[in-house]
Amino acid sequence: MRNAAFIFLFSLACSTVAYADETSELEQAMRQLESAKQALVRAQKSANAGLKSRLYFDYQKAHQDINTVKQGINLYINGDRAQPRDPRKLKSLSGYYDKLRKN
């Protein structure tokens, strides 16, 4: 009986540590996504000062995708696990960031 209680307490402690590790890694991912957004802002400023080509990077769509990923991570970290998510409200990522310039 003592062994069963010890195993239960040990597994509970391990799962708490694993969750803390996961949460800290996800929080790090959120910080890295914020850094990526700042890099996009700098790249956009450089692109605006450069040549105007017919094909260009769609910075707005890239920002939207980063925000979608951040929202998903934030909901996972802070969300209420008891509430089911409505699949109709889920956003998908674009993944396509090239855009033709209108003349």
Protein backbone atom coordinates (compact mmCIF):
# COMPACT_ATOMS: atom_id res chain seq x y z
CA MET A 1 0.00 0.00 0.00
CA ARG A 2 2.84 2.38 0.82
CA ASN A 3 4.43 1.63 -2.54
CA ALA A 4 1.21 2.44 -4.37
CA ALA A 5 0.90 5.76 -2.53
CA PHE A 6 4.53 6.58 -3.29
CA ILE A 7 4.11 5.72 -6.97
CA PHE A 8 0.95 7.85 -7.15
CA LEU A 9 2.63 10.85 -5.52
CA PHE A 10 5.73 10.45 -7.69
CA SER A 11 3.69 10.28 -10.90
CA LEU A 12 1.66 13.31 -9.80
CA ALA A 13 4.85 15.28 -9.17
CA CYS A 14 6.29 14.21 -12.54
CA SER A 15 3.16 15.27 -14.41
CA THR A 16 3.24 18.66 -12.68
CA VAL A 17 6.89 19.12 -13.66
CA ALA A 18 6.15 18.03 -17.24
CA TYR A 19 3.29 20.54 -17.45
CA ALA A 20 5.53 23.29 -16.07
CA ASP A 21 8.20 22.43 -18.63
CA GLU A 22 5.62 22.43 -21.43
CA THR A 23 4.18 25.74 -20.27
CA SER A 24 7.58 27.40 -20.05
CA GLU A 25 8.49 26.12 -23.53
CA LEU A 26 5.20 27.42 -24.94
CA GLU A 27 5.77 30.78 -23.27
CA GLN A 28 9.22 30.85 -24.88
CA ALA A 29 7.58 30.12 -28.24
CA MET A 30 5.24 33.08 -27.65
CA ARG A 31 8.24 35.35 -27.03
CA GLN A 32 9.92 34.06 -30.19
CA LEU A 33 6.76 34.71 -32.21
CA GLU A 34 6.76 38.28 -30.89
CA SER A 35 10.39 38.61 -32.01
CA ALA A 36 9.38 37.30 -35.44
CA LYS A 37 6.68 39.98 -35.65
CA GLN A 38 9.25 42.67 -34.84
CA ALA A 39 11.57 41.25 -37.51
CA LEU A 40 8.70 41.43 -40.01
CA VAL A 41 8.16 45.10 -39.15
CA ARG A 42 11.85 45.82 -39.78
CA ALA A 43 11.79 43.86 -43.03
CA GLN A 44 8.69 45.72 -44.19
CA LYS A 45 10.36 49.07 -43.53
CA SER A 46 13.36 47.95 -45.57
CA ALA A 47 11.12 46.71 -48.38
CA ASN A 48 9.20 49.99 -48.49
CA ALA A 49 12.46 51.87 -48.96
CA GLY A 50 13.66 49.51 -51.71
CA LEU A 51 12.62 48.79 -55.25
CA LYS A 52 8.99 48.24 -56.09
CA SER A 53 8.76 44.82 -57.70
CA ARG A 54 5.66 43.22 -59.13
CA LEU A 55 5.71 40.42 -56.55
CA TYR A 56 6.06 41.29 -52.88
CA PHE A 57 5.79 39.75 -49.43
CA ASP A 58 2.36 40.04 -47.79
CA TYR A 59 3.39 41.26 -44.34
CA GLN A 60 -0.19 41.72 -43.16
CA LYS A 61 -1.03 38.07 -43.81
CA ALA A 62 2.17 36.93 -42.06
CA HIS A 63 1.27 39.06 -39.02
CA GLN A 64 -2.24 37.57 -38.99
CA ASP A 65 -0.85 34.03 -39.05
CA ILE A 66 1.56 34.77 -36.20
CA ASN A 67 -1.32 36.25 -34.18
CA THR A 68 -3.42 33.13 -34.88
CA VAL A 69 -0.63 30.85 -33.60
CA LYS A 70 -0.12 33.04 -30.52
CA GLN A 71 -3.86 32.97 -29.76
CA GLY A 72 -3.91 29.19 -30.05
CA ILE A 73 -0.97 28.79 -27.68
CA ASN A 74 -2.48 31.30 -25.26
CA LEU A 75 -5.83 29.47 -25.28
CA TYR A 76 -4.05 26.20 -24.57
CA ILE A 77 -2.03 27.64 -21.70
CA ASN A 78 -4.80 29.71 -20.10
CA GLY A 79 -7.97 28.17 -21.50
CA ASP A 80 -10.66 26.37 -19.60
CA ARG A 81 -10.20 22.69 -20.50
CA ALA A 82 -13.82 21.89 -19.64
CA GLN A 83 -15.22 24.05 -22.43
CA PRO A 84 -15.33 22.41 -25.88
CA ARG A 85 -14.13 24.54 -28.77
CA ASP A 86 -16.40 25.39 -31.66
CA PRO A 87 -14.65 24.11 -34.82
CA ARG A 88 -16.35 26.82 -36.90
CA LYS A 89 -14.41 29.47 -34.97
CA LEU A 90 -11.00 27.91 -35.62
CA LYS A 91 -8.80 29.87 -37.98
CA SER A 92 -6.47 28.25 -40.46
CA LEU A 93 -3.06 29.59 -41.41
CA SER A 94 -2.50 31.01 -44.85
CA GLY A 95 1.09 29.96 -45.42
CA TYR A 96 1.21 31.92 -48.68
CA TYR A 97 2.86 35.29 -48.32
CA ASP A 98 3.63 36.37 -51.86
CA LYS A 99 1.31 38.89 -53.42
CA LEU A 100 1.12 40.65 -56.77
CA ARG A 101 1.33 44.41 -56.69
CA LYS A 102 -1.61 46.23 -58.26
CA ASN A 103 -0.66 48.89 -60.78
